[in-house]
Structures are given as structure tokens and as C-alpha cells.
Amino acid sequence: MDCGGVGASGVGLDPFPQAHGGMAMNEDFSIEMRLPKGCPKCGSHKVTVSQAQQPDDRVFCSSCNTEIGDYQTAKQMLDEMPRSENEQLIEDVVNNRKPSSTEE
């Protein structure tokens, strides 16, 4: 494993992306996100998607590599799926978003 902070393409990688305000980025230029609905195969909420985040990009479970769907559907799930306050706080932190307010 190369510990010099340079990926296979020669591009420097931040070894602590979440500490510097970014999402976890893998050397293959993908990011991990947390969805409110778990993987149908293993139950994990963490998914991997292309850093480009195009609507037709495929989304895969980070644990078992099962295809979950496309990015457009995953984004819609994040924006529209009802969930508990605890689930919402976890997703906001993992997905590096400002906490959502449930009070008006």
C-alpha cells in the first residue's frame, strides 16, 4: 500500500478527507454516502457512487457491492424518504450536510 498520499494515477489524495470537510473519496474517484434504506442483501446503509454524481451513475452497497440503483434514485431517496430524527442526524453527519430542522 502506498502511504505517500499519491494514488495510482499520480494524483495526490487527502488521507483525511472528512477532517477537511469532504466526503470519503476512494482512489477510484468514488464517494461513500449513507442512505436511509439499507441494502436489500446485507442491510448496510453505506453506498458508493461516482464522484461525478451523474443521474445515471450506478450506486453500489459499500459492504457487499450489490447494485442498489442509480444516483438519481438515491438522491431522491435522500431528499424525500421519511425517517426518524436519529436516522436524519446520522445521515446529515455522514453525508456532510448541515443538520435538518424538524421544527418550524
C-alpha atoms as a PDB file:
ATOM      1  CA  MET A   1       0.000   0.000   0.000  1.00  0.00           C
ATOM      2  CA  ASP A   2       1.337   3.426  -0.943  1.00  0.00           C
ATOM      3  CA  CYS A   3       1.437   5.636   2.146  1.00  0.00           C
ATOM      4  CA  GLY A   4       2.760   8.660   0.272  1.00  0.00           C
ATOM      5  CA  GLY A   5      -0.688  10.100  -0.367  1.00  0.00           C
ATOM      6  CA  VAL A   6      -0.475   9.643  -4.133  1.00  0.00           C
ATOM      7  CA  GLY A   7      -2.960   7.445  -5.986  1.00  0.00           C
ATOM      8  CA  ALA A   8      -2.213   5.105  -8.870  1.00  0.00           C
ATOM      9  CA  SER A   9      -2.888   7.946 -11.301  1.00  0.00           C
ATOM     10  CA  GLY A  10      -0.240  10.127  -9.618  1.00  0.00           C
ATOM     11  CA  VAL A  11      -2.904  12.465  -8.229  1.00  0.00           C
ATOM     12  CA  GLY A  12      -2.453  13.426  -4.578  1.00  0.00           C
ATOM     13  CA  LEU A  13      -5.151  12.132  -2.249  1.00  0.00           C
ATOM     14  CA  ASP A  14      -6.192  13.693   1.025  1.00  0.00           C
ATOM     15  CA  PRO A  15      -5.645  10.950   3.661  1.00  0.00           C
ATOM     16  CA  PHE A  16      -8.245  12.581   5.943  1.00  0.00           C
ATOM     17  CA  PRO A  17     -10.964  13.964   3.620  1.00  0.00           C
ATOM     18  CA  GLN A  18     -13.709  14.039   6.245  1.00  0.00           C
ATOM     19  CA  ALA A  19     -11.489  16.042   8.605  1.00  0.00           C
ATOM     20  CA  HIS A  20     -11.094  18.637   5.859  1.00  0.00           C
ATOM     21  CA  GLY A  21     -14.808  18.998   5.096  1.00  0.00           C
ATOM     22  CA  GLY A  22     -15.132  16.430   2.293  1.00  0.00           C
ATOM     23  CA  MET A  23     -16.841  13.095   1.856  1.00  0.00           C
ATOM     24  CA  ALA A  24     -14.772   9.939   1.943  1.00  0.00           C
ATOM     25  CA  MET A  25     -13.223   9.582  -1.514  1.00  0.00           C
ATOM     26  CA  ASN A  26     -11.713   6.350  -2.736  1.00  0.00           C
ATOM     27  CA  GLU A  27      -8.740   6.123  -5.118  1.00  0.00           C
ATOM     28  CA  ASP A  28     -11.137   5.176  -7.931  1.00  0.00           C
ATOM     29  CA  PHE A  29     -12.798   8.612  -7.673  1.00  0.00           C
ATOM     30  CA  SER A  30     -15.921   7.414  -5.932  1.00  0.00           C
ATOM     31  CA  ILE A  31     -17.504   8.660  -2.727  1.00  0.00           C
ATOM     32  CA  GLU A  32     -19.423   6.944   0.051  1.00  0.00           C
ATOM     33  CA  MET A  33     -22.826   8.148   1.191  1.00  0.00           C
ATOM     34  CA  ARG A  34     -25.374   6.887   3.692  1.00  0.00           C
ATOM     35  CA  LEU A  35     -28.908   6.172   2.549  1.00  0.00           C
ATOM     36  CA  PRO A  36     -31.973   5.919   4.800  1.00  0.00           C
ATOM     37  CA  LYS A  37     -32.866   2.491   3.362  1.00  0.00           C
ATOM     38  CA  GLY A  38     -30.451  -0.373   3.918  1.00  0.00           C
ATOM     39  CA  CYS A  39     -29.079  -2.708   1.247  1.00  0.00           C
ATOM     40  CA  PRO A  40     -31.594  -5.458   0.384  1.00  0.00           C
ATOM     41  CA  LYS A  41     -28.824  -8.080   0.619  1.00  0.00           C
ATOM     42  CA  CYS A  42     -26.808  -7.131   3.743  1.00  0.00           C
ATOM     43  CA  GLY A  43     -28.686  -4.223   5.387  1.00  0.00           C
ATOM     44  CA  SER A  44     -25.794  -1.721   5.230  1.00  0.00           C
ATOM     45  CA  HIS A  45     -26.766   1.920   4.735  1.00  0.00           C
ATOM     46  CA  LYS A  46     -23.415   2.947   3.186  1.00  0.00           C
ATOM     47  CA  VAL A  47     -23.251   3.156  -0.600  1.00  0.00           C
ATOM     48  CA  THR A  48     -20.571   4.049  -3.133  1.00  0.00           C
ATOM     49  CA  VAL A  49     -21.201   6.342  -6.110  1.00  0.00           C
ATOM     50  CA  SER A  50     -19.037   8.071  -8.693  1.00  0.00           C
ATOM     51  CA  GLN A  51     -17.609  11.400  -7.551  1.00  0.00           C
ATOM     52  CA  ALA A  52     -19.212  12.963 -10.669  1.00  0.00           C
ATOM     53  CA  GLN A  53     -22.676  12.100  -9.281  1.00  0.00           C
ATOM     54  CA  GLN A  54     -24.413  11.999 -12.656  1.00  0.00           C
ATOM     55  CA  PRO A  55     -28.111  10.943 -12.600  1.00  0.00           C
ATOM     56  CA  ASP A  56     -27.415   7.644 -14.392  1.00  0.00           C
ATOM     57  CA  ASP A  57     -24.303   6.704 -12.341  1.00  0.00           C
ATOM     58  CA  ARG A  58     -24.707   3.308 -10.669  1.00  0.00           C
ATOM     59  CA  VAL A  59     -24.856   3.140  -6.862  1.00  0.00           C
ATOM     60  CA  PHE A  60     -23.411   0.091  -5.054  1.00  0.00           C
ATOM     61  CA  CYS A  61     -23.518  -1.129  -1.465  1.00  0.00           C
ATOM     62  CA  SER A  62     -20.140  -0.347   0.132  1.00  0.00           C
ATOM     63  CA  SER A  63     -20.236  -3.578   2.150  1.00  0.00           C
ATOM     64  CA  CYS A  64     -21.302  -6.300  -0.290  1.00  0.00           C
ATOM     65  CA  ASN A  65     -21.042  -4.474  -3.655  1.00  0.00           C
ATOM     66  CA  THR A  66     -24.705  -5.166  -4.556  1.00  0.00           C
ATOM     67  CA  GLU A  67     -26.038  -2.697  -7.123  1.00  0.00           C
ATOM     68  CA  ILE A  68     -28.605  -0.509  -5.376  1.00  0.00           C
ATOM     69  CA  GLY A  69     -29.745   1.567  -8.366  1.00  0.00           C
ATOM     70  CA  ASP A  70     -28.806   4.860  -9.982  1.00  0.00           C
ATOM     71  CA  TYR A  71     -27.661   8.123  -8.364  1.00  0.00           C
ATOM     72  CA  GLN A  72     -30.861   9.972  -9.306  1.00  0.00           C
ATOM     73  CA  THR A  73     -32.944   7.445  -7.355  1.00  0.00           C
ATOM     74  CA  ALA A  74     -30.537   7.507  -4.394  1.00  0.00           C
ATOM     75  CA  LYS A  75     -30.607  11.332  -4.298  1.00  0.00           C
ATOM     76  CA  GLN A  76     -34.403  11.290  -4.441  1.00  0.00           C
ATOM     77  CA  MET A  77     -34.435   8.790  -1.553  1.00  0.00           C
ATOM     78  CA  LEU A  78     -32.195  11.106   0.492  1.00  0.00           C
ATOM     79  CA  ASP A  79     -34.399  14.110  -0.209  1.00  0.00           C
ATOM     80  CA  GLU A  80     -37.856  12.557   0.162  1.00  0.00           C
ATOM     81  CA  MET A  81     -37.820   9.404   2.309  1.00  0.00           C
ATOM     82  CA  PRO A  82     -39.285   9.945   5.782  1.00  0.00           C
ATOM     83  CA  ARG A  83     -37.072   8.795   8.646  1.00  0.00           C
ATOM     84  CA  SER A  84     -36.660   9.202  12.367  1.00  0.00           C
ATOM     85  CA  GLU A  85     -34.845  12.193  13.831  1.00  0.00           C
ATOM     86  CA  ASN A  86     -31.944   9.928  14.858  1.00  0.00           C
ATOM     87  CA  GLU A  87     -31.618   8.494  11.312  1.00  0.00           C
ATOM     88  CA  GLN A  88     -31.726  12.023   9.877  1.00  0.00           C
ATOM     89  CA  LEU A  89     -28.931  13.225  12.184  1.00  0.00           C
ATOM     90  CA  ILE A  90     -26.743  10.222  11.306  1.00  0.00           C
ATOM     91  CA  GLU A  91     -27.258  10.797   7.565  1.00  0.00           C
ATOM     92  CA  ASP A  92     -26.565  14.523   7.850  1.00  0.00           C
ATOM     93  CA  VAL A  93     -23.256  13.857   9.614  1.00  0.00           C
ATOM     94  CA  VAL A  94     -22.132  11.015   7.321  1.00  0.00           C
ATOM     95  CA  ASN A  95     -23.208  12.852   4.151  1.00  0.00           C
ATOM     96  CA  ASN A  96     -21.541  16.063   5.369  1.00  0.00           C
ATOM     97  CA  ARG A  97     -24.725  18.158   5.318  1.00  0.00           C
ATOM     98  CA  LYS A  98     -25.986  20.724   7.805  1.00  0.00           C
ATOM     99  CA  PRO A  99     -28.418  19.074  10.237  1.00  0.00           C
ATOM    100  CA  SER A 100     -32.030  19.256   9.027  1.00  0.00           C
ATOM    101  CA  SER A 101     -34.509  21.034  11.222  1.00  0.00           C
ATOM    102  CA  THR A 102     -37.715  19.166  12.075  1.00  0.00           C
ATOM    103  CA  GLU A 103     -39.153  22.200  13.891  1.00  0.00           C
ATOM    104  CA  GLU A 104     -40.802  25.117  12.114  1.00  0.00           C
END
